[in-house]
Amino acid sequence: MNEDRISGNWKQFKGKVQEQWGKLTNDDMDVVEGKREQLAGRIQERYGYTKEQTEKEMKTWEDNNRYKW
């Protein structure tokens, strides 16, 4: 998927991400900018999750929202 499409999709899904992980700030979302690894790192940081726990939650969220990075 090209970068423009990721950015466009990200703008649509940004609110849904914050609904799921409410501890993420607008500043966090600006840093993430649709980058999966950045989002995973922020979720781990804010929630104190392990990498495995973060990946499991993100996979569930992606499947439920049909989001592809």
PDB file of N, CA and C in Angstrom:
ATOM      1  N   MET A   1       0.864  -1.178   0.000  1.00  0.00           N
ATOM      2  CA  MET A   1       0.000   0.000   0.000  1.00  0.00           C
ATOM      3  C   MET A   1       0.904   1.232   0.000  1.00  0.00           C
ATOM      4  N   ASN A   2       0.588   2.212  -0.818  1.00  0.00           N
ATOM      5  CA  ASN A   2       1.467   3.374  -0.883  1.00  0.00           C
ATOM      6  C   ASN A   2       1.217   4.341   0.279  1.00  0.00           C
ATOM      7  N   GLU A   3       2.186   5.215   0.483  1.00  0.00           N
ATOM      8  CA  GLU A   3       2.150   6.123   1.628  1.00  0.00           C
ATOM      9  C   GLU A   3       0.942   7.061   1.630  1.00  0.00           C
ATOM     10  N   ASP A   4       0.523   7.541   0.457  1.00  0.00           N
ATOM     11  CA  ASP A   4      -0.628   8.442   0.387  1.00  0.00           C
ATOM     12  C   ASP A   4      -1.893   7.750   0.861  1.00  0.00           C
ATOM     13  N   ARG A   5      -2.057   6.516   0.459  1.00  0.00           N
ATOM     14  CA  ARG A   5      -3.251   5.776   0.857  1.00  0.00           C
ATOM     15  C   ARG A   5      -3.241   5.518   2.360  1.00  0.00           C
ATOM     16  N   ILE A   6      -2.082   5.178   2.904  1.00  0.00           N
ATOM     17  CA  ILE A   6      -1.971   4.968   4.349  1.00  0.00           C
ATOM     18  C   ILE A   6      -2.350   6.248   5.078  1.00  0.00           C
ATOM     19  N   SER A   7      -1.830   7.375   4.630  1.00  0.00           N
ATOM     20  CA  SER A   7      -2.138   8.650   5.279  1.00  0.00           C
ATOM     21  C   SER A   7      -3.624   8.952   5.221  1.00  0.00           C
ATOM     22  N   GLY A   8      -4.244   8.719   4.091  1.00  0.00           N
ATOM     23  CA  GLY A   8      -5.672   8.966   3.948  1.00  0.00           C
ATOM     24  C   GLY A   8      -6.484   8.082   4.858  1.00  0.00           C
ATOM     25  N   ASN A   9      -6.153   6.811   4.897  1.00  0.00           N
ATOM     26  CA  ASN A   9      -6.841   5.880   5.789  1.00  0.00           C
ATOM     27  C   ASN A   9      -6.620   6.257   7.242  1.00  0.00           C
ATOM     28  N   TRP A  10      -5.425   6.687   7.554  1.00  0.00           N
ATOM     29  CA  TRP A  10      -5.112   7.036   8.933  1.00  0.00           C
ATOM     30  C   TRP A  10      -6.010   8.163   9.432  1.00  0.00           C
ATOM     31  N   LYS A  11      -6.234   9.151   8.603  1.00  0.00           N
ATOM     32  CA  LYS A  11      -7.087  10.259   9.005  1.00  0.00           C
ATOM     33  C   LYS A  11      -8.492   9.771   9.345  1.00  0.00           C
ATOM     34  N   GLN A  12      -8.977   8.771   8.617  1.00  0.00           N
ATOM     35  CA  GLN A  12     -10.291   8.206   8.887  1.00  0.00           C
ATOM     36  C   GLN A  12     -10.307   7.422  10.193  1.00  0.00           C
ATOM     37  N   PHE A  13      -9.251   6.674  10.450  1.00  0.00           N
ATOM     38  CA  PHE A  13      -9.247   5.750  11.574  1.00  0.00           C
ATOM     39  C   PHE A  13      -8.674   6.321  12.865  1.00  0.00           C
ATOM     40  N   LYS A  14      -8.091   7.489  12.795  1.00  0.00           N
ATOM     41  CA  LYS A  14      -7.460   8.103  13.964  1.00  0.00           C
ATOM     42  C   LYS A  14      -8.422   8.191  15.155  1.00  0.00           C
ATOM     43  N   GLY A  15      -9.642   8.627  14.910  1.00  0.00           N
ATOM     44  CA  GLY A  15     -10.636   8.730  15.979  1.00  0.00           C
ATOM     45  C   GLY A  15     -10.977   7.377  16.564  1.00  0.00           C
ATOM     46  N   LYS A  16     -11.058   6.366  15.703  1.00  0.00           N
ATOM     47  CA  LYS A  16     -11.364   5.017  16.186  1.00  0.00           C
ATOM     48  C   LYS A  16     -10.231   4.474  17.051  1.00  0.00           C
ATOM     49  N   VAL A  17      -9.005   4.817  16.684  1.00  0.00           N
ATOM     50  CA  VAL A  17      -7.852   4.390  17.484  1.00  0.00           C
ATOM     51  C   VAL A  17      -7.944   5.015  18.876  1.00  0.00           C
ATOM     52  N   GLN A  18      -8.273   6.299  18.931  1.00  0.00           N
ATOM     53  CA  GLN A  18      -8.377   6.966  20.228  1.00  0.00           C
ATOM     54  C   GLN A  18      -9.577   6.462  21.033  1.00  0.00           C
ATOM     55  N   GLU A  19     -10.632   6.003  20.380  1.00  0.00           N
ATOM     56  CA  GLU A  19     -11.745   5.387  21.104  1.00  0.00           C
ATOM     57  C   GLU A  19     -11.286   4.096  21.761  1.00  0.00           C
ATOM     58  N   GLN A  20     -10.501   3.309  21.034  1.00  0.00           N
ATOM     59  CA  GLN A  20     -10.014   2.027  21.551  1.00  0.00           C
ATOM     60  C   GLN A  20      -8.977   2.218  22.654  1.00  0.00           C
ATOM     61  N   TRP A  21      -8.041   3.111  22.426  1.00  0.00           N
ATOM     62  CA  TRP A  21      -6.952   3.343  23.371  1.00  0.00           C
ATOM     63  C   TRP A  21      -7.007   4.797  23.814  1.00  0.00           C
ATOM     64  N   GLY A  22      -7.898   5.092  24.733  1.00  0.00           N
ATOM     65  CA  GLY A  22      -8.193   6.449  25.167  1.00  0.00           C
ATOM     66  C   GLY A  22      -7.064   7.180  25.862  1.00  0.00           C
ATOM     67  N   LYS A  23      -6.064   6.458  26.311  1.00  0.00           N
ATOM     68  CA  LYS A  23      -4.934   7.121  26.966  1.00  0.00           C
ATOM     69  C   LYS A  23      -3.982   7.775  25.964  1.00  0.00           C
ATOM     70  N   LEU A  24      -4.155   7.474  24.686  1.00  0.00           N
ATOM     71  CA  LEU A  24      -3.310   8.094  23.666  1.00  0.00           C
ATOM     72  C   LEU A  24      -3.746   9.540  23.464  1.00  0.00           C
ATOM     73  N   THR A  25      -2.788  10.419  23.456  1.00  0.00           N
ATOM     74  CA  THR A  25      -3.069  11.848  23.317  1.00  0.00           C
ATOM     75  C   THR A  25      -3.052  12.251  21.843  1.00  0.00           C
ATOM     76  N   ASN A  26      -3.512  13.461  21.582  1.00  0.00           N
ATOM     77  CA  ASN A  26      -3.426  13.991  20.218  1.00  0.00           C
ATOM     78  C   ASN A  26      -1.972  14.085  19.768  1.00  0.00           C
ATOM     79  N   ASP A  27      -1.081  14.417  20.693  1.00  0.00           N
ATOM     80  CA  ASP A  27       0.346  14.463  20.365  1.00  0.00           C
ATOM     81  C   ASP A  27       0.845  13.076  19.963  1.00  0.00           C
ATOM     82  N   ASP A  28       0.395  12.037  20.693  1.00  0.00           N
ATOM     83  CA  ASP A  28       0.762  10.668  20.327  1.00  0.00           C
ATOM     84  C   ASP A  28       0.314  10.365  18.903  1.00  0.00           C
ATOM     85  N   MET A  29      -0.909  10.756  18.599  1.00  0.00           N
ATOM     86  CA  MET A  29      -1.470  10.468  17.286  1.00  0.00           C
ATOM     87  C   MET A  29      -0.710  11.200  16.192  1.00  0.00           C
ATOM     88  N   ASP A  30      -0.247  12.408  16.481  1.00  0.00           N
ATOM     89  CA  ASP A  30       0.553  13.161  15.508  1.00  0.00           C
ATOM     90  C   ASP A  30       1.884  12.460  15.241  1.00  0.00           C
ATOM     91  N   VAL A  31       2.473  11.888  16.276  1.00  0.00           N
ATOM     92  CA  VAL A  31       3.744  11.166  16.127  1.00  0.00           C
ATOM     93  C   VAL A  31       3.520   9.881  15.336  1.00  0.00           C
ATOM     94  N   VAL A  32       2.448   9.180  15.627  1.00  0.00           N
ATOM     95  CA  VAL A  32       2.158   7.898  14.983  1.00  0.00           C
ATOM     96  C   VAL A  32       1.950   8.055  13.477  1.00  0.00           C
ATOM     97  N   GLU A  33       1.124   9.005  13.073  1.00  0.00           N
ATOM     98  CA  GLU A  33       0.852   9.298  11.659  1.00  0.00           C
ATOM     99  C   GLU A  33       0.648   8.055  10.800  1.00  0.00           C
ATOM    100  N   GLY A  34      -0.076   7.077  11.304  1.00  0.00           N
ATOM    101  CA  GLY A  34      -0.393   5.889  10.515  1.00  0.00           C
ATOM    102  C   GLY A  34       0.677   4.818  10.504  1.00  0.00           C
ATOM    103  N   LYS A  35       1.719   4.981  11.283  1.00  0.00           N
ATOM    104  CA  LYS A  35       2.797   3.991  11.322  1.00  0.00           C
ATOM    105  C   LYS A  35       2.517   2.972  12.432  1.00  0.00           C
ATOM    106  N   ARG A  36       2.359   1.743  12.046  1.00  0.00           N
ATOM    107  CA  ARG A  36       1.968   0.685  12.974  1.00  0.00           C
ATOM    108  C   ARG A  36       2.958   0.519  14.129  1.00  0.00           C
ATOM    109  N   GLU A  37       4.232   0.493  13.818  1.00  0.00           N
ATOM    110  CA  GLU A  37       5.243   0.305  14.867  1.00  0.00           C
ATOM    111  C   GLU A  37       5.217   1.448  15.876  1.00  0.00           C
ATOM    112  N   GLN A  38       5.015   2.665  15.384  1.00  0.00           N
ATOM    113  CA  GLN A  38       4.925   3.823  16.278  1.00  0.00           C
ATOM    114  C   GLN A  38       3.702   3.701  17.190  1.00  0.00           C
ATOM    115  N   LEU A  39       2.579   3.271  16.617  1.00  0.00           N
ATOM    116  CA  LEU A  39       1.367   3.094  17.414  1.00  0.00           C
ATOM    117  C   LEU A  39       1.580   2.026  18.476  1.00  0.00           C
ATOM    118  N   ALA A  40       2.172   0.919  18.089  1.00  0.00           N
ATOM    119  CA  ALA A  40       2.429  -0.158  19.051  1.00  0.00           C
ATOM    120  C   ALA A  40       3.295   0.348  20.202  1.00  0.00           C
ATOM    121  N   GLY A  41       4.328   1.104  19.875  1.00  0.00           N
ATOM    122  CA  GLY A  41       5.201   1.645  20.915  1.00  0.00           C
ATOM    123  C   GLY A  41       4.471   2.575  21.868  1.00  0.00           C
ATOM    124  N   ARG A  42       3.606   3.422  21.315  1.00  0.00           N
ATOM    125  CA  ARG A  42       2.836   4.352  22.158  1.00  0.00           C
ATOM    126  C   ARG A  42       1.848   3.605  23.040  1.00  0.00           C
ATOM    127  N   ILE A  43       1.210   2.578  22.507  1.00  0.00           N
ATOM    128  CA  ILE A  43       0.273   1.781  23.314  1.00  0.00           C
ATOM    129  C   ILE A  43       1.023   1.103  24.458  1.00  0.00           C
ATOM    130  N   GLN A  44       2.172   0.514  24.149  1.00  0.00           N
ATOM    131  CA  GLN A  44       2.978  -0.125  25.194  1.00  0.00           C
ATOM    132  C   GLN A  44       3.363   0.881  26.271  1.00  0.00           C
ATOM    133  N   GLU A  45       3.788   2.038  25.850  1.00  0.00           N
ATOM    134  CA  GLU A  45       4.225   3.089  26.772  1.00  0.00           C
ATOM    135  C   GLU A  45       3.085   3.563  27.669  1.00  0.00           C
ATOM    136  N   ARG A  46       1.936   3.862  27.085  1.00  0.00           N
ATOM    137  CA  ARG A  46       0.805   4.416  27.849  1.00  0.00           C
ATOM    138  C   ARG A  46       0.119   3.388  28.745  1.00  0.00           C
ATOM    139  N   TYR A  47       0.063   2.132  28.281  1.00  0.00           N
ATOM    140  CA  TYR A  47      -0.683   1.116  29.013  1.00  0.00           C
ATOM    141  C   TYR A  47       0.194   0.127  29.776  1.00  0.00           C
ATOM    142  N   GLY A  48       1.498   0.155  29.542  1.00  0.00           N
ATOM    143  CA  GLY A  48       2.393  -0.770  30.227  1.00  0.00           C
ATOM    144  C   GLY A  48       2.234  -2.208  29.742  1.00  0.00           C
ATOM    145  N   TYR A  49       1.780  -2.373  28.502  1.00  0.00           N
ATOM    146  CA  TYR A  49       1.571  -3.701  27.925  1.00  0.00           C
ATOM    147  C   TYR A  49       2.894  -4.296  27.455  1.00  0.00           C
ATOM    148  N   THR A  50       2.913  -5.626  27.378  1.00  0.00           N
ATOM    149  CA  THR A  50       4.033  -6.312  26.743  1.00  0.00           C
ATOM    150  C   THR A  50       3.858  -6.184  25.230  1.00  0.00           C
ATOM    151  N   LYS A  51       4.911  -6.493  24.501  1.00  0.00           N
ATOM    152  CA  LYS A  51       4.826  -6.446  23.040  1.00  0.00           C
ATOM    153  C   LYS A  51       3.760  -7.423  22.540  1.00  0.00           C
ATOM    154  N   GLU A  52       3.720  -8.611  23.135  1.00  0.00           N
ATOM    155  CA  GLU A  52       2.758  -9.631  22.724  1.00  0.00           C
ATOM    156  C   GLU A  52       1.322  -9.182  22.987  1.00  0.00           C
ATOM    157  N   GLN A  53       1.095  -8.598  24.147  1.00  0.00           N
ATOM    158  CA  GLN A  53      -0.246  -8.117  24.493  1.00  0.00           C
ATOM    159  C   GLN A  53      -0.681  -7.003  23.545  1.00  0.00           C
ATOM    160  N   THR A  54       0.247  -6.114  23.235  1.00  0.00           N
ATOM    161  CA  THR A  54      -0.042  -5.023  22.308  1.00  0.00           C
ATOM    162  C   THR A  54      -0.390  -5.572  20.927  1.00  0.00           C
ATOM    163  N   GLU A  55       0.392  -6.508  20.438  1.00  0.00           N
ATOM    164  CA  GLU A  55       0.148  -7.088  19.119  1.00  0.00           C
ATOM    165  C   GLU A  55      -1.218  -7.782  19.064  1.00  0.00           C
ATOM    166  N   LYS A  56      -1.570  -8.485  20.128  1.00  0.00           N
ATOM    167  CA  LYS A  56      -2.859  -9.171  20.171  1.00  0.00           C
ATOM    168  C   LYS A  56      -4.006  -8.161  20.098  1.00  0.00           C
ATOM    169  N   GLU A  57      -3.924  -7.094  20.891  1.00  0.00           N
ATOM    170  CA  GLU A  57      -4.975  -6.067  20.879  1.00  0.00           C
ATOM    171  C   GLU A  57      -5.062  -5.370  19.529  1.00  0.00           C
ATOM    172  N   MET A  58      -3.904  -5.044  18.954  1.00  0.00           N
ATOM    173  CA  MET A  58      -3.898  -4.359  17.670  1.00  0.00           C
ATOM    174  C   MET A  58      -4.475  -5.250  16.571  1.00  0.00           C
ATOM    175  N   LYS A  59      -4.133  -6.525  16.585  1.00  0.00           N
ATOM    176  CA  LYS A  59      -4.655  -7.460  15.578  1.00  0.00           C
ATOM    177  C   LYS A  59      -6.173  -7.549  15.688  1.00  0.00           C
ATOM    178  N   THR A  60      -6.687  -7.650  16.900  1.00  0.00           N
ATOM    179  CA  THR A  60      -8.136  -7.704  17.110  1.00  0.00           C
ATOM    180  C   THR A  60      -8.784  -6.428  16.590  1.00  0.00           C
ATOM    181  N   TRP A  61      -8.189  -5.283  16.919  1.00  0.00           N
ATOM    182  CA  TRP A  61      -8.727  -4.001  16.462  1.00  0.00           C
ATOM    183  C   TRP A  61      -8.719  -3.919  14.938  1.00  0.00           C
ATOM    184  N   GLU A  62      -7.606  -4.315  14.333  1.00  0.00           N
ATOM    185  CA  GLU A  62      -7.498  -4.282  12.873  1.00  0.00           C
ATOM    186  C   GLU A  62      -8.566  -5.157  12.218  1.00  0.00           C
ATOM    187  N   ASP A  63      -8.749  -6.360  12.752  1.00  0.00           N
ATOM    188  CA  ASP A  63      -9.754  -7.271  12.195  1.00  0.00           C
ATOM    189  C   ASP A  63     -11.162  -6.702  12.342  1.00  0.00           C
ATOM    190  N   ASN A  64     -11.455  -6.131  13.490  1.00  0.00           N
ATOM    191  CA  ASN A  64     -12.792  -5.576  13.744  1.00  0.00           C
ATOM    192  C   ASN A  64     -13.075  -4.331  12.911  1.00  0.00           C
ATOM    193  N   ASN A  65     -12.051  -3.570  12.595  1.00  0.00           N
ATOM    194  CA  ASN A  65     -12.224  -2.323  11.846  1.00  0.00           C
ATOM    195  C   ASN A  65     -11.793  -2.438  10.391  1.00  0.00           C
ATOM    196  N   ARG A  66     -11.366  -3.625  10.010  1.00  0.00           N
ATOM    197  CA  ARG A  66     -10.896  -3.871   8.633  1.00  0.00           C
ATOM    198  C   ARG A  66      -9.832  -2.860   8.222  1.00  0.00           C
ATOM    199  N   TYR A  67      -8.926  -2.578   9.147  1.00  0.00           N
ATOM    200  CA  TYR A  67      -7.838  -1.627   8.861  1.00  0.00           C
ATOM    201  C   TYR A  67      -6.603  -2.375   8.433  1.00  0.00           C
ATOM    202  N   LYS A  68      -6.007  -1.965   7.345  1.00  0.00           N
ATOM    203  CA  LYS A  68      -4.760  -2.554   6.846  1.00  0.00           C
ATOM    204  C   LYS A  68      -3.698  -1.469   6.797  1.00  0.00           C
ATOM    205  N   TRP A  69      -2.560  -1.754   7.331  1.00  0.00           N
ATOM    206  CA  TRP A  69      -1.454  -0.792   7.370  1.00  0.00           C
ATOM    207  C   TRP A  69      -0.757  -0.728   6.060  1.00  0.00           C
TER     208      TRP A  69
END
